[in-house]
PDB file of N, CA and C in Angstrom:
ATOM      1  N   MET A   1     -12.871   2.778   4.429  1.00  0.00           N
ATOM      2  CA  MET A   1     -12.343   1.466   3.994  1.00  0.00           C
ATOM      3  C   MET A   1     -11.378   0.576   4.698  1.00  0.00           C
ATOM      4  N   THR A   2     -11.049  -0.580   4.453  1.00  0.00           N
ATOM      5  CA  THR A   2     -10.221  -1.607   5.187  1.00  0.00           C
ATOM      6  C   THR A   2      -9.444  -2.171   3.914  1.00  0.00           C
ATOM      7  N   PRO A   3      -8.202  -2.677   4.310  1.00  0.00           N
ATOM      8  CA  PRO A   3      -7.489  -3.661   3.776  1.00  0.00           C
ATOM      9  C   PRO A   3      -8.429  -4.849   3.011  1.00  0.00           C
ATOM     10  N   GLU A   4      -9.320  -5.412   3.977  1.00  0.00           N
ATOM     11  CA  GLU A   4     -10.099  -6.290   3.248  1.00  0.00           C
ATOM     12  C   GLU A   4     -10.836  -6.068   2.207  1.00  0.00           C
ATOM     13  N   ASP A   5     -11.616  -4.672   2.179  1.00  0.00           N
ATOM     14  CA  ASP A   5     -12.374  -3.912   1.195  1.00  0.00           C
ATOM     15  C   ASP A   5     -11.731  -3.863  -0.298  1.00  0.00           C
ATOM     16  N   ILE A   6     -10.356  -3.660   0.101  1.00  0.00           N
ATOM     17  CA  ILE A   6      -9.375  -3.413  -1.245  1.00  0.00           C
ATOM     18  C   ILE A   6      -9.225  -4.590  -1.915  1.00  0.00           C
ATOM     19  N   ILE A   7      -8.951  -5.639  -0.778  1.00  0.00           N
ATOM     20  CA  ILE A   7      -8.705  -7.133  -1.651  1.00  0.00           C
ATOM     21  C   ILE A   7      -9.967  -7.379  -2.302  1.00  0.00           C
ATOM     22  N   LYS A   8     -11.366  -7.269  -1.822  1.00  0.00           N
ATOM     23  CA  LYS A   8     -12.585  -7.587  -2.748  1.00  0.00           C
ATOM     24  C   LYS A   8     -12.734  -6.659  -4.063  1.00  0.00           C
ATOM     25  N   LEU A   9     -12.500  -5.227  -3.822  1.00  0.00           N
ATOM     26  CA  LEU A   9     -12.481  -4.513  -5.027  1.00  0.00           C
ATOM     27  C   LEU A   9     -11.385  -4.957  -6.186  1.00  0.00           C
ATOM     28  N   LEU A  10     -10.270  -5.265  -5.545  1.00  0.00           N
ATOM     29  CA  LEU A  10      -9.327  -4.947  -6.713  1.00  0.00           C
ATOM     30  C   LEU A  10      -8.844  -6.591  -6.964  1.00  0.00           C
ATOM     31  N   ASP A  11      -9.544  -7.776  -6.417  1.00  0.00           N
ATOM     32  CA  ASP A  11      -9.340  -9.108  -6.616  1.00  0.00           C
ATOM     33  C   ASP A  11      -7.548  -9.179  -6.155  1.00  0.00           C
ATOM     34  N   ALA A  12      -7.368  -8.463  -4.954  1.00  0.00           N
ATOM     35  CA  ALA A  12      -5.944  -8.310  -4.827  1.00  0.00           C
ATOM     36  C   ALA A  12      -5.511  -9.587  -3.670  1.00  0.00           C
ATOM     37  N   THR A  13      -4.399  -9.567  -3.598  1.00  0.00           N
ATOM     38  CA  THR A  13      -3.535 -10.877  -2.764  1.00  0.00           C
ATOM     39  C   THR A  13      -2.941 -10.223  -1.340  1.00  0.00           C
ATOM     40  N   CYS A  14      -3.073 -10.465  -0.266  1.00  0.00           N
ATOM     41  CA  CYS A  14      -2.416  -9.949   1.109  1.00  0.00           C
ATOM     42  C   CYS A  14      -1.205 -10.526   1.186  1.00  0.00           C
ATOM     43  N   ILE A  15      -0.128  -9.886   0.970  1.00  0.00           N
ATOM     44  CA  ILE A  15       1.480 -10.868   1.155  1.00  0.00           C
ATOM     45  C   ILE A  15       1.376 -11.144   2.556  1.00  0.00           C
ATOM     46  N   CYS A  16       1.375 -10.000   3.501  1.00  0.00           N
ATOM     47  CA  CYS A  16       1.723 -10.184   4.891  1.00  0.00           C
ATOM     48  C   CYS A  16       0.930  -9.295   5.679  1.00  0.00           C
ATOM     49  N   GLY A  17       0.536  -9.313   6.936  1.00  0.00           N
ATOM     50  CA  GLY A  17       0.308  -8.004   7.457  1.00  0.00           C
ATOM     51  C   GLY A  17      -1.110  -8.382   7.670  1.00  0.00           C
ATOM     52  N   ALA A  18      -2.066  -9.889   7.587  1.00  0.00           N
ATOM     53  CA  ALA A  18      -3.407 -10.086   7.905  1.00  0.00           C
ATOM     54  C   ALA A  18      -3.830  -9.765   9.084  1.00  0.00           C
ATOM     55  N   GLN A  19      -3.016  -9.379  10.086  1.00  0.00           N
ATOM     56  CA  GLN A  19      -3.662  -9.001  11.120  1.00  0.00           C
ATOM     57  C   GLN A  19      -4.144  -7.834  11.043  1.00  0.00           C
ATOM     58  N   LYS A  20      -3.740  -7.053  10.251  1.00  0.00           N
ATOM     59  CA  LYS A  20      -4.592  -5.658   9.574  1.00  0.00           C
ATOM     60  C   LYS A  20      -5.410  -5.735   8.800  1.00  0.00           C
ATOM     61  N   LEU A  21      -6.029  -6.506   8.358  1.00  0.00           N
ATOM     62  CA  LEU A  21      -6.882  -6.326   7.456  1.00  0.00           C
ATOM     63  C   LEU A  21      -8.569  -5.658   7.537  1.00  0.00           C
ATOM     64  N   HIS A  22      -8.640  -5.648   9.058  1.00  0.00           N
ATOM     65  CA  HIS A  22     -10.028  -5.160   9.180  1.00  0.00           C
ATOM     66  C   HIS A  22      -9.959  -3.805   9.840  1.00  0.00           C
ATOM     67  N   ASN A  23      -8.762  -3.174   9.742  1.00  0.00           N
ATOM     68  CA  ASN A  23      -7.884  -1.934  10.368  1.00  0.00           C
ATOM     69  C   ASN A  23      -8.406  -0.958   9.379  1.00  0.00           C
ATOM     70  N   PRO A  24      -9.117   0.460   9.713  1.00  0.00           N
ATOM     71  CA  PRO A  24      -9.254   1.266   8.748  1.00  0.00           C
ATOM     72  C   PRO A  24      -8.086   2.147   7.975  1.00  0.00           C
ATOM     73  N   ILE A  25      -8.582   2.651   6.707  1.00  0.00           N
ATOM     74  CA  ILE A  25      -7.368   2.819   5.914  1.00  0.00           C
ATOM     75  C   ILE A  25      -8.147   4.570   5.689  1.00  0.00           C
ATOM     76  N   LYS A  26      -7.646   5.852   6.033  1.00  0.00           N
ATOM     77  CA  LYS A  26      -8.477   6.826   5.982  1.00  0.00           C
ATOM     78  C   LYS A  26      -7.975   7.097   4.500  1.00  0.00           C
ATOM     79  N   HIS A  27      -6.908   7.331   4.167  1.00  0.00           N
ATOM     80  CA  HIS A  27      -6.700   7.978   2.523  1.00  0.00           C
ATOM     81  C   HIS A  27      -5.535   7.308   2.162  1.00  0.00           C
ATOM     82  N   ALA A  28      -5.174   7.664   0.878  1.00  0.00           N
ATOM     83  CA  ALA A  28      -4.372   6.971  -0.249  1.00  0.00           C
ATOM     84  C   ALA A  28      -3.404   7.907  -0.951  1.00  0.00           C
ATOM     85  N   PHE A  29      -2.253   7.249  -1.403  1.00  0.00           N
ATOM     86  CA  PHE A  29      -1.668   8.047  -1.528  1.00  0.00           C
ATOM     87  C   PHE A  29      -0.701   7.319  -3.185  1.00  0.00           C
ATOM     88  N   ALA A  30      -0.642   7.526  -4.478  1.00  0.00           N
ATOM     89  CA  ALA A  30       0.112   6.950  -5.620  1.00  0.00           C
ATOM     90  C   ALA A  30       1.272   7.458  -5.682  1.00  0.00           C
ATOM     91  N   ALA A  31       2.918   6.831  -5.694  1.00  0.00           N
ATOM     92  CA  ALA A  31       4.043   7.267  -6.035  1.00  0.00           C
ATOM     93  C   ALA A  31       4.812   6.247  -6.493  1.00  0.00           C
ATOM     94  N   ASP A  32       5.715   6.515  -7.358  1.00  0.00           N
ATOM     95  CA  ASP A  32       6.827   5.526  -7.476  1.00  0.00           C
ATOM     96  C   ASP A  32       8.323   6.602  -6.949  1.00  0.00           C
ATOM     97  N   LEU A  33       7.831   7.457  -6.783  1.00  0.00           N
ATOM     98  CA  LEU A  33       9.313   8.481  -6.170  1.00  0.00           C
ATOM     99  C   LEU A  33       9.156   8.611  -4.567  1.00  0.00           C
ATOM    100  N   MET A  34       9.712   7.942  -4.080  1.00  0.00           N
ATOM    101  CA  MET A  34       9.834   7.766  -2.572  1.00  0.00           C
ATOM    102  C   MET A  34      10.019   9.229  -1.680  1.00  0.00           C
ATOM    103  N   SER A  35      10.666   9.891  -2.532  1.00  0.00           N
ATOM    104  CA  SER A  35      10.709  11.465  -1.616  1.00  0.00           C
ATOM    105  C   SER A  35       9.761  12.007  -1.777  1.00  0.00           C
ATOM    106  N   ASP A  36       8.872  12.161  -2.517  1.00  0.00           N
ATOM    107  CA  ASP A  36       7.266  12.527  -2.560  1.00  0.00           C
ATOM    108  C   ASP A  36       6.390  11.790  -1.465  1.00  0.00           C
ATOM    109  N   VAL A  37       6.834  10.611  -0.943  1.00  0.00           N
ATOM    110  CA  VAL A  37       5.756  10.272   0.178  1.00  0.00           C
ATOM    111  C   VAL A  37       6.497  10.634   1.501  1.00  0.00           C
ATOM    112  N   LEU A  38       7.772  11.012   1.879  1.00  0.00           N
ATOM    113  CA  LEU A  38       8.206  11.458   2.836  1.00  0.00           C
ATOM    114  C   LEU A  38       7.968  12.703   3.353  1.00  0.00           C
ATOM    115  N   ARG A  39       6.863  13.441   2.731  1.00  0.00           N
ATOM    116  CA  ARG A  39       6.531  14.682   3.086  1.00  0.00           C
ATOM    117  C   ARG A  39       5.032  14.588   3.556  1.00  0.00           C
ATOM    118  N   LEU A  40       4.373  13.593   3.659  1.00  0.00           N
ATOM    119  CA  LEU A  40       2.972  13.432   3.837  1.00  0.00           C
ATOM    120  C   LEU A  40       2.463  13.001   5.200  1.00  0.00           C
ATOM    121  N   ASN A  41       1.380  13.348   5.616  1.00  0.00           N
ATOM    122  CA  ASN A  41       0.576  12.976   6.560  1.00  0.00           C
ATOM    123  C   ASN A  41       0.452  11.480   6.285  1.00  0.00           C
ATOM    124  N   THR A  42       1.020  10.291   7.077  1.00  0.00           N
ATOM    125  CA  THR A  42       0.602   9.158   6.552  1.00  0.00           C
ATOM    126  C   THR A  42       0.010   8.430   7.594  1.00  0.00           C
ATOM    127  N   GLU A  43      -0.670   8.849   8.673  1.00  0.00           N
ATOM    128  CA  GLU A  43      -1.535   8.106   9.625  1.00  0.00           C
ATOM    129  C   GLU A  43      -2.774   7.397   8.716  1.00  0.00           C
ATOM    130  N   ASP A  44      -2.555   6.208   8.963  1.00  0.00           N
ATOM    131  CA  ASP A  44      -3.688   5.156   8.149  1.00  0.00           C
ATOM    132  C   ASP A  44      -3.677   5.290   6.587  1.00  0.00           C
ATOM    133  N   MET A  45      -2.589   5.496   6.207  1.00  0.00           N
ATOM    134  CA  MET A  45      -2.538   5.866   4.868  1.00  0.00           C
ATOM    135  C   MET A  45      -2.176   4.414   3.880  1.00  0.00           C
ATOM    136  N   LEU A  46      -2.815   4.591   3.083  1.00  0.00           N
ATOM    137  CA  LEU A  46      -2.412   3.466   1.764  1.00  0.00           C
ATOM    138  C   LEU A  46      -1.415   3.923   0.792  1.00  0.00           C
ATOM    139  N   LEU A  47      -0.277   3.249   0.632  1.00  0.00           N
ATOM    140  CA  LEU A  47       0.613   3.810  -0.243  1.00  0.00           C
ATOM    141  C   LEU A  47       0.332   2.670  -1.607  1.00  0.00           C
ATOM    142  N   ILE A  48       0.248   3.478  -2.407  1.00  0.00           N
ATOM    143  CA  ILE A  48       0.390   2.536  -3.799  1.00  0.00           C
ATOM    144  C   ILE A  48       1.268   2.829  -4.925  1.00  0.00           C
ATOM    145  N   THR A  49       1.989   1.709  -5.184  1.00  0.00           N
ATOM    146  CA  THR A  49       3.114   2.036  -5.753  1.00  0.00           C
ATOM    147  C   THR A  49       3.410   0.895  -7.030  1.00  0.00           C
ATOM    148  N   GLY A  50       4.061   1.060  -7.831  1.00  0.00           N
ATOM    149  CA  GLY A  50       4.361   0.311  -8.818  1.00  0.00           C
ATOM    150  C   GLY A  50       6.076  -0.312  -8.544  1.00  0.00           C
ATOM    151  N   MET A  51       6.693   0.533  -7.629  1.00  0.00           N
ATOM    152  CA  MET A  51       8.096   0.347  -7.353  1.00  0.00           C
ATOM    153  C   MET A  51       8.317  -0.971  -6.310  1.00  0.00           C
ATOM    154  N   ALA A  52       9.142  -1.863  -6.716  1.00  0.00           N
ATOM    155  CA  ALA A  52       8.868  -3.277  -5.772  1.00  0.00           C
ATOM    156  C   ALA A  52      10.480  -3.610  -5.859  1.00  0.00           C
ATOM    157  N   ASN A  53      11.128  -2.599  -4.384  1.00  0.00           N
ATOM    158  CA  ASN A  53      12.325  -2.916  -3.875  1.00  0.00           C
ATOM    159  C   ASN A  53      12.134  -2.562  -2.429  1.00  0.00           C
ATOM    160  N   SER A  54      13.474  -2.859  -1.657  1.00  0.00           N
ATOM    161  CA  SER A  54      13.461  -2.527  -0.279  1.00  0.00           C
ATOM    162  C   SER A  54      13.315  -1.289  -0.022  1.00  0.00           C
ATOM    163  N   GLN A  55      13.450  -0.497  -0.943  1.00  0.00           N
ATOM    164  CA  GLN A  55      13.723   1.246  -0.310  1.00  0.00           C
ATOM    165  C   GLN A  55      11.970   1.587  -0.240  1.00  0.00           C
ATOM    166  N   VAL A  56      10.734   1.001  -0.904  1.00  0.00           N
ATOM    167  CA  VAL A  56       9.663   1.092  -0.694  1.00  0.00           C
ATOM    168  C   VAL A  56       9.497   0.690   0.963  1.00  0.00           C
ATOM    169  N   ILE A  57      10.011  -0.204   1.155  1.00  0.00           N
ATOM    170  CA  ILE A  57       9.761  -0.905   2.629  1.00  0.00           C
ATOM    171  C   ILE A  57      10.132   0.332   3.787  1.00  0.00           C
ATOM    172  N   ARG A  58      11.640   0.524   3.380  1.00  0.00           N
ATOM    173  CA  ARG A  58      12.384   1.413   4.396  1.00  0.00           C
ATOM    174  C   ARG A  58      11.715   2.767   4.485  1.00  0.00           C
ATOM    175  N   THR A  59      11.164   3.077   3.438  1.00  0.00           N
ATOM    176  CA  THR A  59      10.564   4.705   3.289  1.00  0.00           C
ATOM    177  C   THR A  59       9.439   4.485   3.830  1.00  0.00           C
ATOM    178  N   ALA A  60       8.299   3.265   3.807  1.00  0.00           N
ATOM    179  CA  ALA A  60       7.238   3.042   4.721  1.00  0.00           C
ATOM    180  C   ALA A  60       7.590   2.871   6.177  1.00  0.00           C
ATOM    181  N   GLU A  61       8.610   2.752   6.332  1.00  0.00           N
ATOM    182  CA  GLU A  61       9.077   2.399   7.633  1.00  0.00           C
ATOM    183  C   GLU A  61       9.458   3.582   8.367  1.00  0.00           C
ATOM    184  N   MET A  62      10.445   4.466   7.708  1.00  0.00           N
ATOM    185  CA  MET A  62      10.515   5.837   8.204  1.00  0.00           C
ATOM    186  C   MET A  62       9.177   6.929   8.137  1.00  0.00           C
ATOM    187  N   ALA A  63       8.334   6.691   7.409  1.00  0.00           N
ATOM    188  CA  ALA A  63       7.035   7.393   7.440  1.00  0.00           C
ATOM    189  C   ALA A  63       6.188   6.701   8.058  1.00  0.00           C
ATOM    190  N   ASP A  64       6.180   5.609   8.909  1.00  0.00           N
ATOM    191  CA  ASP A  64       5.193   5.309   9.409  1.00  0.00           C
ATOM    192  C   ASP A  64       4.166   4.863   8.440  1.00  0.00           C
ATOM    193  N   ILE A  65       4.083   4.369   7.543  1.00  0.00           N
ATOM    194  CA  ILE A  65       3.154   3.925   6.582  1.00  0.00           C
ATOM    195  C   ILE A  65       2.666   2.485   6.703  1.00  0.00           C
ATOM    196  N   PRO A  66       1.094   2.401   7.458  1.00  0.00           N
ATOM    197  CA  PRO A  66       1.138   1.157   7.567  1.00  0.00           C
ATOM    198  C   PRO A  66       0.330   0.166   6.645  1.00  0.00           C
ATOM    199  N   TYR A  67       0.219   0.447   5.268  1.00  0.00           N
ATOM    200  CA  TYR A  67      -0.092  -0.241   4.087  1.00  0.00           C
ATOM    201  C   TYR A  67       0.500   0.294   2.819  1.00  0.00           C
ATOM    202  N   ILE A  68       0.862  -0.786   2.313  1.00  0.00           N
ATOM    203  CA  ILE A  68       1.331  -0.595   0.950  1.00  0.00           C
ATOM    204  C   ILE A  68       0.759  -1.653  -0.064  1.00  0.00           C
ATOM    205  N   LEU A  69       0.319  -1.231  -1.317  1.00  0.00           N
ATOM    206  CA  LEU A  69      -0.414  -2.048  -2.509  1.00  0.00           C
ATOM    207  C   LEU A  69       0.633  -1.754  -3.546  1.00  0.00           C
ATOM    208  N   PHE A  70       1.077  -2.948  -3.926  1.00  0.00           N
ATOM    209  CA  PHE A  70       1.933  -3.000  -5.246  1.00  0.00           C
ATOM    210  C   PHE A  70       1.037  -3.205  -6.472  1.00  0.00           C
ATOM    211  N   VAL A  71       1.188  -2.362  -7.518  1.00  0.00           N
ATOM    212  CA  VAL A  71       0.376  -2.605  -8.637  1.00  0.00           C
ATOM    213  C   VAL A  71       1.055  -3.440  -9.578  1.00  0.00           C
ATOM    214  N   ARG A  72       0.284  -3.853 -10.482  1.00  0.00           N
ATOM    215  CA  ARG A  72       1.057  -4.404 -12.036  1.00  0.00           C
ATOM    216  C   ARG A  72       1.634  -5.614 -11.378  1.00  0.00           C
ATOM    217  N   ASP A  73       1.018  -6.358 -10.825  1.00  0.00           N
ATOM    218  CA  ASP A  73       1.448  -7.860  -9.949  1.00  0.00           C
ATOM    219  C   ASP A  73       2.833  -7.769  -9.390  1.00  0.00           C
ATOM    220  N   LYS A  74       3.787  -6.629  -9.252  1.00  0.00           N
ATOM    221  CA  LYS A  74       4.918  -6.896  -8.755  1.00  0.00           C
ATOM    222  C   LYS A  74       5.181  -8.035  -7.939  1.00  0.00           C
ATOM    223  N   GLN A  75       6.643  -8.284  -7.938  1.00  0.00           N
ATOM    224  CA  GLN A  75       6.831  -9.493  -6.773  1.00  0.00           C
ATOM    225  C   GLN A  75       7.442  -9.166  -5.955  1.00  0.00           C
ATOM    226  N   ILE A  76       6.986  -9.418  -4.692  1.00  0.00           N
ATOM    227  CA  ILE A  76       7.749  -8.992  -3.477  1.00  0.00           C
ATOM    228  C   ILE A  76       8.796 -10.209  -3.195  1.00  0.00           C
ATOM    229  N   THR A  77      10.024  -9.639  -2.737  1.00  0.00           N
ATOM    230  CA  THR A  77      11.498 -10.214  -2.670  1.00  0.00           C
ATOM    231  C   THR A  77      11.362 -10.737  -1.339  1.00  0.00           C
ATOM    232  N   PRO A  78      12.012 -11.786  -0.928  1.00  0.00           N
ATOM    233  CA  PRO A  78      12.030 -12.082   0.523  1.00  0.00           C
ATOM    234  C   PRO A  78      12.830 -11.033   1.828  1.00  0.00           C
ATOM    235  N   GLU A  79      13.725 -10.352   0.976  1.00  0.00           N
ATOM    236  CA  GLU A  79      14.084  -9.318   2.037  1.00  0.00           C
ATOM    237  C   GLU A  79      12.941  -8.154   2.222  1.00  0.00           C
ATOM    238  N   MET A  80      12.255  -7.817   1.004  1.00  0.00           N
ATOM    239  CA  MET A  80      11.141  -6.796   1.237  1.00  0.00           C
ATOM    240  C   MET A  80      10.092  -7.501   2.277  1.00  0.00           C
ATOM    241  N   LEU A  81       9.843  -8.788   2.282  1.00  0.00           N
ATOM    242  CA  LEU A  81       8.837  -9.377   3.149  1.00  0.00           C
ATOM    243  C   LEU A  81       9.187  -9.383   4.696  1.00  0.00           C
ATOM    244  N   GLN A  82      10.653  -9.636   4.557  1.00  0.00           N
ATOM    245  CA  GLN A  82      11.307  -9.654   6.152  1.00  0.00           C
ATOM    246  C   GLN A  82      11.188  -8.064   6.713  1.00  0.00           C
ATOM    247  N   LEU A  83      11.172  -7.139   6.026  1.00  0.00           N
ATOM    248  CA  LEU A  83      11.547  -5.975   6.414  1.00  0.00           C
ATOM    249  C   LEU A  83       9.994  -5.553   6.755  1.00  0.00           C
ATOM    250  N   ALA A  84       9.214  -6.036   6.175  1.00  0.00           N
ATOM    251  CA  ALA A  84       7.704  -5.478   6.247  1.00  0.00           C
ATOM    252  C   ALA A  84       6.985  -6.290   7.490  1.00  0.00           C
ATOM    253  N   GLU A  85       7.424  -7.410   7.501  1.00  0.00           N
ATOM    254  CA  GLU A  85       7.330  -8.133   8.836  1.00  0.00           C
ATOM    255  C   GLU A  85       7.951  -7.440   9.998  1.00  0.00           C
ATOM    256  N   GLU A  86       8.773  -7.278   9.779  1.00  0.00           N
ATOM    257  CA  GLU A  86       9.635  -6.448  11.327  1.00  0.00           C
ATOM    258  C   GLU A  86       9.080  -5.334  11.546  1.00  0.00           C
ATOM    259  N   ASN A  87       8.358  -4.689  10.668  1.00  0.00           N
ATOM    260  CA  ASN A  87       7.866  -3.393  10.688  1.00  0.00           C
ATOM    261  C   ASN A  87       6.385  -3.196  10.869  1.00  0.00           C
ATOM    262  N   ASP A  88       5.790  -4.213  10.773  1.00  0.00           N
ATOM    263  CA  ASP A  88       4.394  -4.531  11.027  1.00  0.00           C
ATOM    264  C   ASP A  88       3.548  -3.565   9.776  1.00  0.00           C
ATOM    265  N   ILE A  89       4.174  -3.821   8.757  1.00  0.00           N
ATOM    266  CA  ILE A  89       3.560  -3.409   7.299  1.00  0.00           C
ATOM    267  C   ILE A  89       2.913  -4.225   6.920  1.00  0.00           C
ATOM    268  N   LEU A  90       1.270  -4.241   6.461  1.00  0.00           N
ATOM    269  CA  LEU A  90       0.622  -4.865   5.534  1.00  0.00           C
ATOM    270  C   LEU A  90       0.983  -4.778   3.766  1.00  0.00           C
ATOM    271  N   LEU A  91       1.043  -5.618   3.529  1.00  0.00           N
ATOM    272  CA  LEU A  91       1.494  -5.631   2.015  1.00  0.00           C
ATOM    273  C   LEU A  91       0.397  -6.209   1.055  1.00  0.00           C
ATOM    274  N   LEU A  92      -0.099  -5.548   0.078  1.00  0.00           N
ATOM    275  CA  LEU A  92      -0.965  -6.367  -0.799  1.00  0.00           C
ATOM    276  C   LEU A  92      -0.434  -6.216  -2.024  1.00  0.00           C
ATOM    277  N   ARG A  93      -1.048  -7.027  -3.107  1.00  0.00           N
ATOM    278  CA  ARG A  93      -0.503  -7.049  -4.398  1.00  0.00           C
ATOM    279  C   ARG A  93      -1.869  -7.273  -5.401  1.00  0.00           C
ATOM    280  N   CYS A  94      -1.667  -6.433  -6.539  1.00  0.00           N
ATOM    281  CA  CYS A  94      -2.840  -6.758  -7.511  1.00  0.00           C
ATOM    282  C   CYS A  94      -2.278  -6.513  -9.111  1.00  0.00           C
ATOM    283  N   ARG A  95      -2.860  -7.159 -10.012  1.00  0.00           N
ATOM    284  CA  ARG A  95      -2.713  -7.016 -11.225  1.00  0.00           C
ATOM    285  C   ARG A  95      -2.530  -5.695 -11.851  1.00  0.00           C
ATOM    286  N   GLN A  96      -3.894  -5.131 -11.803  1.00  0.00           N
ATOM    287  CA  GLN A  96      -3.924  -3.624 -12.549  1.00  0.00           C
ATOM    288  C   GLN A  96      -3.036  -2.488 -12.223  1.00  0.00           C
ATOM    289  N   SER A  97      -3.401  -1.619 -13.233  1.00  0.00           N
ATOM    290  CA  SER A  97      -2.165  -0.508 -13.226  1.00  0.00           C
ATOM    291  C   SER A  97      -2.291   0.459 -12.232  1.00  0.00           C
ATOM    292  N   MET A  98      -1.507   1.413 -11.871  1.00  0.00           N
ATOM    293  CA  MET A  98      -1.893   2.435 -10.746  1.00  0.00           C
ATOM    294  C   MET A  98      -2.719   3.116 -11.170  1.00  0.00           C
ATOM    295  N   PHE A  99      -2.852   3.536 -12.579  1.00  0.00           N
ATOM    296  CA  PHE A  99      -4.337   4.343 -12.728  1.00  0.00           C
ATOM    297  C   PHE A  99      -5.581   3.772 -12.571  1.00  0.00           C
ATOM    298  N   ARG A 100      -5.750   2.585 -12.979  1.00  0.00           N
ATOM    299  CA  ARG A 100      -7.153   1.934 -12.808  1.00  0.00           C
ATOM    300  C   ARG A 100      -7.310   1.552 -11.276  1.00  0.00           C
ATOM    301  N   VAL A 101      -6.193   1.357 -10.720  1.00  0.00           N
ATOM    302  CA  VAL A 101      -6.227   1.181  -8.953  1.00  0.00           C
ATOM    303  C   VAL A 101      -6.968   2.350  -8.185  1.00  0.00           C
ATOM    304  N   CYS A 102      -6.103   3.615  -8.834  1.00  0.00           N
ATOM    305  CA  CYS A 102      -6.334   4.918  -8.312  1.00  0.00           C
ATOM    306  C   CYS A 102      -7.762   5.174  -8.217  1.00  0.00           C
ATOM    307  N   GLY A 103      -8.390   5.319  -9.508  1.00  0.00           N
ATOM    308  CA  GLY A 103      -9.858   5.220  -9.706  1.00  0.00           C
ATOM    309  C   GLY A 103     -11.034   4.542  -9.198  1.00  0.00           C
ATOM    310  N   ILE A 104     -10.588   3.268  -9.225  1.00  0.00           N
ATOM    311  CA  ILE A 104     -11.664   2.291  -8.590  1.00  0.00           C
ATOM    312  C   ILE A 104     -11.722   2.667  -6.816  1.00  0.00           C
ATOM    313  N   LEU A 105     -10.159   2.673  -6.501  1.00  0.00           N
ATOM    314  CA  LEU A 105     -10.636   3.096  -4.872  1.00  0.00           C
ATOM    315  C   LEU A 105     -11.072   4.505  -4.407  1.00  0.00           C
ATOM    316  N   TYR A 106     -10.643   5.736  -5.590  1.00  0.00           N
ATOM    317  CA  TYR A 106     -11.205   7.199  -5.284  1.00  0.00           C
ATOM    318  C   TYR A 106     -13.267   6.552  -5.436  1.00  0.00           C
ATOM    319  N   GLN A 107     -13.607   5.857  -6.501  1.00  0.00           N
ATOM    320  CA  GLN A 107     -14.834   6.040  -6.997  1.00  0.00           C
ATOM    321  C   GLN A 107     -15.496   5.008  -5.352  1.00  0.00           C
ATOM    322  N   ALA A 108     -14.848   4.247  -4.948  1.00  0.00           N
ATOM    323  CA  ALA A 108     -15.267   3.584  -3.717  1.00  0.00           C
ATOM    324  C   ALA A 108     -15.002   4.143  -2.415  1.00  0.00           C
ATOM    325  N   GLY A 109     -14.739   5.492  -2.355  1.00  0.00           N
ATOM    326  CA  GLY A 109     -14.771   6.070  -1.292  1.00  0.00           C
ATOM    327  C   GLY A 109     -13.565   6.469  -0.701  1.00  0.00           C
ATOM    328  N   LEU A 110     -12.471   5.860  -0.986  1.00  0.00           N
ATOM    329  CA  LEU A 110     -11.245   6.331  -0.522  1.00  0.00           C
ATOM    330  C   LEU A 110     -10.489   7.636  -0.724  1.00  0.00           C
ATOM    331  N   LEU A 111     -10.271   8.433   0.199  1.00  0.00           N
ATOM    332  CA  LEU A 111     -10.025   9.947  -0.045  1.00  0.00           C
ATOM    333  C   LEU A 111      -8.408   9.901  -0.251  1.00  0.00           C
ATOM    334  N   PRO A 112      -8.115  10.921  -1.325  1.00  0.00           N
ATOM    335  CA  PRO A 112      -6.809  11.172  -1.327  1.00  0.00           C
ATOM    336  C   PRO A 112      -6.114  11.866   0.050  1.00  0.00           C
ATOM    337  N   VAL A 113      -4.711  11.866  -0.331  1.00  0.00           N
ATOM    338  CA  VAL A 113      -4.013  12.623   0.855  1.00  0.00           C
ATOM    339  C   VAL A 113      -4.360  14.177   0.809  1.00  0.00           C
ATOM    340  N   TYR A 114      -4.257  14.628  -0.204  1.00  0.00           N
ATOM    341  CA  TYR A 114      -5.034  16.040  -0.513  1.00  0.00           C
ATOM    342  C   TYR A 114      -5.306  16.343  -1.964  1.00  0.00           C
TER     343      TYR A 114
END
């Protein structure tokens, strides 16, 4: 699956990182508690979260997470956008709940981390 596939499935919007739209995403993890994210194999991982603040971007930077999907139409601040661009992190946003998004992506074949 690619970010472009996710955009089509969820009617999502790419906020930044469009150069990565065709890159493969191997698996996904959904969390609002960033300490849970730091313990994972994050290679080619999509982080699905409803938490919209700069801590999410900083966690992604530390954990080498290349893709983040914000659910529930969370708004991205200018600081978050700047951090994501500086760290080459693709940001997506969609309107659906985290539960719905996880179900749709799992049904479409995206694998969980574990």
